[in-house]
Structures are given as C-alpha cells and as structure tokens.
Amino acid sequence: MEKLVLAKEGVFPVVYNHIGEHISDAPKTGLQFPGTIQGEGKLAGVPSLFIRLSGCNLRCIWQMEDNSFCRCDTTYASFHPNEIIELSTDDVFNWVKYNLDGIHHVVITGGEPLLQKRALAPLCQKLKEELNVHITIESNGSLFDANVAQWIDLFSISPKLSNSVPTPEKLAAYQLNEAGPYKFHNQKRRNIEALQAYIDLTNSSNKELQLKFVAGKSDDYNEIKDDFLSHLSNWKADDIMLMPLGATREEIAKSSPLVLEMAIRNGWRFCPRVHIELFGSKSGV
C-alpha cells in the first residue's frame, strides 16, 4: 500500500492519534475536543477536520502594495523533509475516523495535495464510502486528476498570480537563494486546461467550485480577468473569490481595504480568513 506524506500536523486538530490513543497535548485551538472551522471560502465557519499533505510544486513569496513581502503561510508543508509524517492510507483514514465525533466535513490541504494523487484517490474513496463525509480539496489549480476528483464535493482552487513568483529581490529579503527548494519556483503556475476541467466537472455534476485568488496589489484584478477568466468558459461570478494577501492579522488588515474594493467593483466575493482572526497565524488550527 502506498503511503501518504503529511506535514507536521498530519490530521488536525485532534485528541486521538492514528491508532486511537489519546494525545496528552491539547489541540492548538485551545479547545479540548477535535475539530476546528473552515476559515475560508463558501464553507467558512463549518466545523471541519483537516488533513495537511506535504510537498508543493510552487514556491510563493508575494509583494504587498506597500512593497513589503509576504511568504506562504505553510512553507513547512512545502519542502521541509524534517517536518513530515509518512502513513498508509488506512492509518490516515483511521486518524480521521477516531476524531470525527460530530464533524461531517474533511478538508484536504497542503502543500499541493495532488502531487500525491496515487495514494490520495483511495483515501478519498474510503472517506466517502465508509464515513460519508463532505470532502473539500484545496489546490493551487496547476494540476487536475480525475481519479481524485470523482470523490471530492468542493474544489477550493487558488490559482497563483505572477505576484507570487519568488524573484531574486524577494529571495534576498528572506536570505534565500534559487538553489535548494526554490530551484523549482518557475514551474507552471497558470494551467488553463486544469482550471477548465474543474469548471466543466462542477457544471456537469453536483460538485461545487470556488476559484480563490490571493490579491494584494491594485492591478491584480487585471491579471485575474485577462490571464485567467478571459481564457475560461462557463464559470460563474459567484465562484470567483478574492482573498486579501497576508499570513498575519496585521498583513491581512493592510491588504483588506484594497481587496474589498476590488471584489465589489468586479462583482466577485470577498473572502476573509476567519481562522486567523480567531487563532492567529499559528499552524494546527
């Protein structure tokens, strides 16, 4: 059986491990029971368990309107070999099962989950067939896999704009270089064929889609329109979301007014990040 590679939290927030043993450490939410809420998108506020897979095909560093920089808020899930857990599909399934309690929503996130499509498809099938949970997958939209997609209820797709490319100036600001994990930073970010496949599947089924663009500069809406939406067909305005750039409350507060105006002017949805408002920028919540 193929194994899944998970980031350090694995399944979260939980009170039992994958063999059903009680964990002495309380969840990072500060609550004494498993589960948190979905913090973003159409299901914001819905009680959920998260599965965070490790590995990403992109490396993102953004520049904000004031010219400061903002890194991906889950860099540890992208390329840190010392912060991973390897488990079988059955172990991950059991980890979820032991912590579901009254929760009916499972969110699969990353990193980029579809890099592990071969092991992910049987996990999603097992979650759907044996636990009948609602499954959201969070992806950067550069990949599509029909075997995984058939088991998903909501595709939360966040295509990355050109502002996310880690330029030499951005790398220097974080004392990074283009070697090591950042050598892949020029990999394809815009995959129109994959995005259209998500749109077509949701239009021909009862599945849901949200295209969630992280925005933080005043001209980002032009790129969303010209480089993405104008090349896609049969998308719905209700499915287009703008999320303010930022990994902390302070960064989000800086970019929110700009993004709010951008969303209203274009008839798109403004997408807050409720989990950061509630818990801050820590992982595992």
Protein backbone atom coordinates (compact mmCIF):
# COMPACT_ATOMS: atom_id res chain seq x y z
CA MET A 1 0.00 0.00 0.00
CA GLU A 2 1.35 3.42 -0.96
CA LYS A 3 1.99 5.87 1.81
CA LEU A 4 0.91 9.47 2.12
CA VAL A 5 3.45 12.08 3.19
CA LEU A 6 1.87 14.53 5.61
CA ALA A 7 3.13 17.81 7.03
CA LYS A 8 3.93 18.00 10.72
CA GLU A 9 0.31 18.44 11.88
CA GLY A 10 -0.93 15.50 9.84
CA VAL A 11 -4.62 15.38 10.70
CA PHE A 12 -5.71 18.30 12.88
CA PRO A 13 -6.97 19.45 15.33
CA VAL A 14 -7.24 16.07 17.07
CA VAL A 15 -7.27 14.42 20.51
CA TYR A 16 -6.52 10.87 19.31
CA ASN A 17 -3.66 9.59 17.18
CA HIS A 18 -3.95 7.24 14.20
CA ILE A 19 -4.16 4.14 16.41
CA GLY A 20 -6.85 5.59 18.65
CA GLU A 21 -4.66 6.54 21.61
CA HIS A 22 -5.50 9.73 23.48
CA ILE A 23 -2.97 12.51 22.93
CA SER A 24 -1.79 14.33 26.03
CA ASP A 25 -1.28 17.66 24.25
CA ALA A 26 -4.46 19.68 23.77
CA PRO A 27 -5.30 20.86 20.24
CA LYS A 28 -3.73 24.18 19.29
CA THR A 29 -7.19 25.68 19.04
CA GLY A 30 -7.23 25.66 22.85
CA LEU A 31 -10.36 23.51 22.76
CA GLN A 32 -10.46 20.14 24.49
CA PHE A 33 -12.05 18.28 21.61
CA PRO A 34 -11.19 17.61 17.96
CA GLY A 35 -12.10 19.86 15.08
CA THR A 36 -11.95 23.48 14.07
CA ILE A 37 -13.82 25.57 11.49
CA GLN A 38 -13.13 26.06 7.83
CA GLY A 39 -11.75 29.57 7.77
CA GLU A 40 -12.07 30.44 4.08
CA GLY A 41 -14.48 30.33 1.19
CA LYS A 42 -18.06 29.18 0.78
CA LEU A 43 -17.94 26.92 3.84
CA ALA A 44 -16.33 29.42 6.23
CA GLY A 45 -17.49 28.64 9.74
CA VAL A 46 -18.33 24.97 9.08
CA PRO A 47 -16.87 22.51 11.66
CA SER A 48 -14.12 20.54 9.93
CA LEU A 49 -11.11 18.26 10.30
CA PHE A 50 -8.07 18.97 8.16
CA ILE A 51 -5.55 16.66 6.50
CA ARG A 52 -2.39 18.53 5.55
CA LEU A 53 -0.22 16.78 2.97
CA SER A 54 3.41 17.72 2.44
CA GLY A 55 5.04 18.84 -0.79
CA CYS A 56 4.30 21.63 -3.25
CA ASN A 57 5.23 22.28 -6.86
CA LEU A 58 5.29 26.06 -6.31
CA ARG A 59 7.22 28.40 -4.04
CA CYS A 60 5.34 31.58 -3.27
CA ILE A 61 6.52 34.94 -1.99
CA TRP A 62 4.21 37.89 -2.59
CA GLN A 63 4.82 41.64 -2.64
CA MET A 64 2.23 43.81 -0.92
CA GLU A 65 1.04 47.19 -2.10
CA ASP A 66 3.46 48.94 0.29
CA ASN A 67 6.33 46.91 -1.29
CA SER A 68 6.83 44.69 1.77
CA PHE A 69 6.99 40.94 1.18
CA CYS A 70 4.81 38.07 2.42
CA ARG A 71 5.80 34.40 2.31
CA CYS A 72 3.48 31.41 2.02
CA ASP A 73 1.99 30.75 5.46
CA THR A 74 2.61 27.00 5.20
CA THR A 75 6.20 26.88 3.93
CA TYR A 76 6.82 23.94 6.28
CA ALA A 77 4.31 21.92 4.23
CA SER A 78 6.15 22.62 1.01
CA PHE A 79 9.65 21.30 1.30
CA HIS A 80 10.85 20.58 4.85
CA PRO A 81 11.97 16.93 4.98
CA ASN A 82 12.41 17.10 8.76
CA GLU A 83 8.75 18.01 9.33
CA ILE A 84 6.89 15.16 7.67
CA ILE A 85 4.95 12.06 8.69
CA GLU A 86 4.61 9.04 6.41
CA LEU A 87 1.49 6.93 6.92
CA SER A 88 -0.54 4.42 4.96
CA THR A 89 -3.93 5.35 3.54
CA ASP A 90 -5.56 3.18 6.22
CA ASP A 91 -3.66 4.95 9.01
CA VAL A 92 -4.72 8.38 7.77
CA PHE A 93 -8.30 7.16 7.39
CA ASN A 94 -8.31 5.82 10.96
CA TRP A 95 -6.79 9.04 12.27
CA VAL A 96 -9.74 10.92 10.78
CA LYS A 97 -12.29 8.33 11.96
CA TYR A 98 -11.13 8.44 15.60
CA ASN A 99 -11.52 12.23 15.70
CA LEU A 100 -14.67 12.87 13.67
CA ASP A 101 -17.13 12.86 16.56
CA GLY A 102 -19.96 15.05 15.18
CA ILE A 103 -17.93 16.54 12.33
CA HIS A 104 -19.06 15.85 8.76
CA HIS A 105 -16.53 17.90 6.76
CA VAL A 106 -12.95 16.90 5.94
CA VAL A 107 -10.59 19.32 4.20
CA ILE A 108 -7.55 18.01 2.33
CA THR A 109 -4.91 20.70 2.01
CA GLY A 110 -1.17 21.15 1.64
CA GLY A 111 1.27 21.95 0.15
CA GLU A 112 -0.26 20.74 -3.07
CA PRO A 113 -2.30 17.57 -2.36
CA LEU A 114 -2.49 16.41 -5.98
CA LEU A 115 1.23 15.72 -6.06
CA GLN A 116 0.23 12.59 -4.11
CA LYS A 117 -2.72 11.66 -6.33
CA ARG A 118 -1.97 7.91 -6.44
CA ALA A 119 -2.32 7.47 -2.68
CA LEU A 120 -4.83 10.29 -2.28
CA ALA A 121 -7.52 8.79 -4.54
CA PRO A 122 -8.03 5.63 -2.41
CA LEU A 123 -8.06 7.73 0.77
CA CYS A 124 -10.81 9.96 -0.62
CA GLN A 125 -12.78 6.93 -1.78
CA LYS A 126 -12.53 5.36 1.68
CA LEU A 127 -13.55 8.58 3.44
CA LYS A 128 -16.56 8.95 1.16
CA GLU A 129 -17.74 5.34 1.07
CA GLU A 130 -17.16 4.40 4.71
CA LEU A 131 -17.64 7.69 6.58
CA ASN A 132 -19.82 9.60 4.10
CA VAL A 133 -18.09 12.89 4.89
CA HIS A 134 -18.11 16.01 2.75
CA ILE A 135 -14.63 16.40 1.22
CA THR A 136 -13.03 19.70 0.22
CA ILE A 137 -9.69 19.70 -1.54
CA GLU A 138 -7.54 22.85 -1.51
CA SER A 139 -5.25 23.08 -4.55
CA ASN A 140 -3.28 25.69 -6.47
CA GLY A 141 -5.04 24.64 -9.68
CA SER A 142 -1.91 23.71 -11.60
CA LEU A 143 -2.92 20.02 -11.55
CA PHE A 144 -6.10 18.01 -12.16
CA ASP A 145 -6.69 14.32 -11.56
CA ALA A 146 -10.00 12.64 -12.43
CA ASN A 147 -9.42 9.71 -10.06
CA VAL A 148 -9.21 12.05 -7.08
CA ALA A 149 -11.84 14.47 -8.37
CA GLN A 150 -14.62 11.88 -8.50
CA TRP A 151 -14.68 11.71 -4.68
CA ILE A 152 -14.49 15.46 -3.98
CA ASP A 153 -17.50 17.62 -3.07
CA LEU A 154 -15.89 21.08 -3.15
CA PHE A 155 -12.86 22.09 -5.19
CA SER A 156 -11.23 25.06 -3.49
CA ILE A 157 -8.82 26.18 -6.19
CA SER A 158 -6.40 29.04 -5.56
CA PRO A 159 -4.51 29.89 -8.77
CA LYS A 160 -1.33 31.79 -8.05
CA LEU A 161 -0.84 35.17 -9.74
CA SER A 162 2.52 36.37 -11.08
CA ASN A 163 3.00 38.42 -7.91
CA SER A 164 3.63 35.13 -6.07
CA VAL A 165 6.79 34.29 -8.06
CA PRO A 166 9.85 34.41 -5.75
CA THR A 167 12.03 36.87 -7.65
CA PRO A 168 15.70 37.37 -6.71
CA GLU A 169 14.72 40.52 -4.79
CA LYS A 170 12.16 38.61 -2.73
CA LEU A 171 14.54 35.74 -2.09
CA ALA A 172 17.22 38.16 -0.93
CA ALA A 173 14.79 39.74 1.54
CA TYR A 174 14.45 36.35 3.26
CA GLN A 175 18.14 35.46 2.80
CA LEU A 176 17.19 32.68 0.40
CA ASN A 177 18.62 31.72 -2.95
CA GLU A 178 17.41 29.93 -6.05
CA ALA A 179 19.15 26.71 -5.08
CA GLY A 180 17.57 24.02 -2.92
CA PRO A 181 13.80 24.19 -2.54
CA TYR A 182 13.45 27.40 -4.54
CA LYS A 183 15.03 25.99 -7.69
CA PHE A 184 11.52 24.93 -8.77
CA HIS A 185 9.98 28.38 -8.43
CA ASN A 186 9.46 28.86 -12.17
CA GLN A 187 7.22 25.83 -12.52
CA LYS A 188 3.94 26.45 -14.34
CA ARG A 189 1.51 28.43 -12.17
CA ARG A 190 -1.26 29.03 -14.69
CA ASN A 191 -2.80 25.85 -16.11
CA ILE A 192 -5.93 26.86 -18.02
CA GLU A 193 -6.63 23.28 -19.08
CA ALA A 194 -6.69 22.09 -15.46
CA LEU A 195 -8.86 25.01 -14.33
CA GLN A 196 -11.32 24.40 -17.18
CA ALA A 197 -11.52 20.72 -16.17
CA TYR A 198 -12.66 21.77 -12.68
CA ILE A 199 -15.27 24.13 -14.12
CA ASP A 200 -16.58 21.53 -16.57
CA LEU A 201 -16.82 18.83 -13.90
CA THR A 202 -18.76 21.02 -11.49
CA ASN A 203 -21.11 22.19 -14.24
CA SER A 204 -21.92 18.59 -15.14
CA SER A 205 -22.34 17.29 -11.58
CA ASN A 206 -23.49 18.26 -8.11
CA LYS A 207 -19.96 19.19 -7.08
CA GLU A 208 -19.01 22.73 -6.03
CA LEU A 209 -16.15 25.01 -7.06
CA GLN A 210 -14.53 28.17 -5.79
CA LEU A 211 -11.71 29.96 -7.62
CA LYS A 212 -9.96 31.79 -4.81
CA PHE A 213 -7.37 34.36 -5.90
CA VAL A 214 -4.98 35.85 -3.34
CA ALA A 215 -4.76 39.56 -4.13
CA GLY A 216 -2.65 42.30 -2.61
CA LYS A 217 -1.73 44.78 -5.36
CA SER A 218 -4.02 47.28 -7.04
CA ASP A 219 -3.68 45.80 -10.53
CA ASP A 220 -4.17 42.14 -9.57
CA TYR A 221 -7.73 42.22 -10.90
CA ASN A 222 -6.43 42.88 -14.42
CA GLU A 223 -4.37 39.68 -14.33
CA ILE A 224 -7.31 37.71 -12.95
CA LYS A 225 -9.50 38.96 -15.81
CA ASP A 226 -7.02 38.94 -18.68
CA ASP A 227 -4.83 35.94 -17.92
CA PHE A 228 -7.35 33.65 -16.26
CA LEU A 229 -11.07 34.38 -16.61
CA SER A 230 -10.94 35.51 -20.25
CA HIS A 231 -9.42 32.13 -21.16
CA LEU A 232 -12.01 30.12 -19.22
CA SER A 233 -15.60 29.40 -20.19
CA ASN A 234 -18.84 28.74 -18.30
CA TRP A 235 -17.54 29.94 -14.95
CA LYS A 236 -19.91 31.66 -12.51
CA ALA A 237 -19.26 35.03 -10.88
CA ASP A 238 -20.42 33.56 -7.56
CA ASP A 239 -17.49 31.15 -7.71
CA ILE A 240 -14.83 33.86 -8.01
CA MET A 241 -13.34 34.88 -4.67
CA LEU A 242 -10.72 37.43 -3.71
CA MET A 243 -8.75 36.74 -0.53
CA PRO A 244 -6.62 39.53 0.97
CA LEU A 245 -2.90 38.81 0.91
CA GLY A 246 -1.30 38.18 4.27
CA ALA A 247 -0.20 35.48 6.68
CA THR A 248 -0.87 37.51 9.85
CA ARG A 249 -3.72 39.65 11.14
CA GLU A 250 -1.61 42.77 10.53
CA GLU A 251 -0.80 41.89 6.92
CA ILE A 252 -4.42 40.98 6.16
CA ALA A 253 -5.60 44.27 7.70
CA LYS A 254 -3.28 46.16 5.34
CA SER A 255 -4.48 44.46 2.17
CA SER A 256 -8.18 44.03 3.01
CA PRO A 257 -9.48 47.52 2.04
CA LEU A 258 -7.88 47.28 -1.39
CA VAL A 259 -9.17 43.75 -1.99
CA LEU A 260 -12.65 44.57 -0.68
CA GLU A 261 -12.99 47.40 -3.20
CA MET A 262 -11.63 45.16 -5.96
CA ALA A 263 -14.19 42.45 -5.16
CA ILE A 264 -17.18 44.79 -5.03
CA ARG A 265 -16.25 46.63 -8.24
CA ASN A 266 -15.93 43.35 -10.16
CA GLY A 267 -18.93 41.54 -8.66
CA TRP A 268 -16.76 38.90 -7.00
CA ARG A 269 -16.86 37.59 -3.45
CA PHE A 270 -14.62 38.93 -0.71
CA CYS A 271 -13.07 36.02 1.18
CA PRO A 272 -11.98 36.66 4.79
CA ARG A 273 -9.67 34.31 6.72
CA VAL A 274 -11.71 33.59 9.84
CA HIS A 275 -9.23 31.14 11.38
CA ILE A 276 -6.53 33.82 11.50
CA GLU A 277 -8.96 36.26 13.09
CA LEU A 278 -9.77 33.65 15.76
CA PHE A 279 -6.46 31.88 16.35
CA GLY A 280 -3.73 33.99 14.77
CA SER A 281 -1.19 32.72 12.25
CA LYS A 282 -0.18 29.53 14.06
CA SER A 283 -0.41 26.08 12.45
CA GLY A 284 -2.69 23.26 13.52
CA VAL A 285 -5.85 25.30 13.98
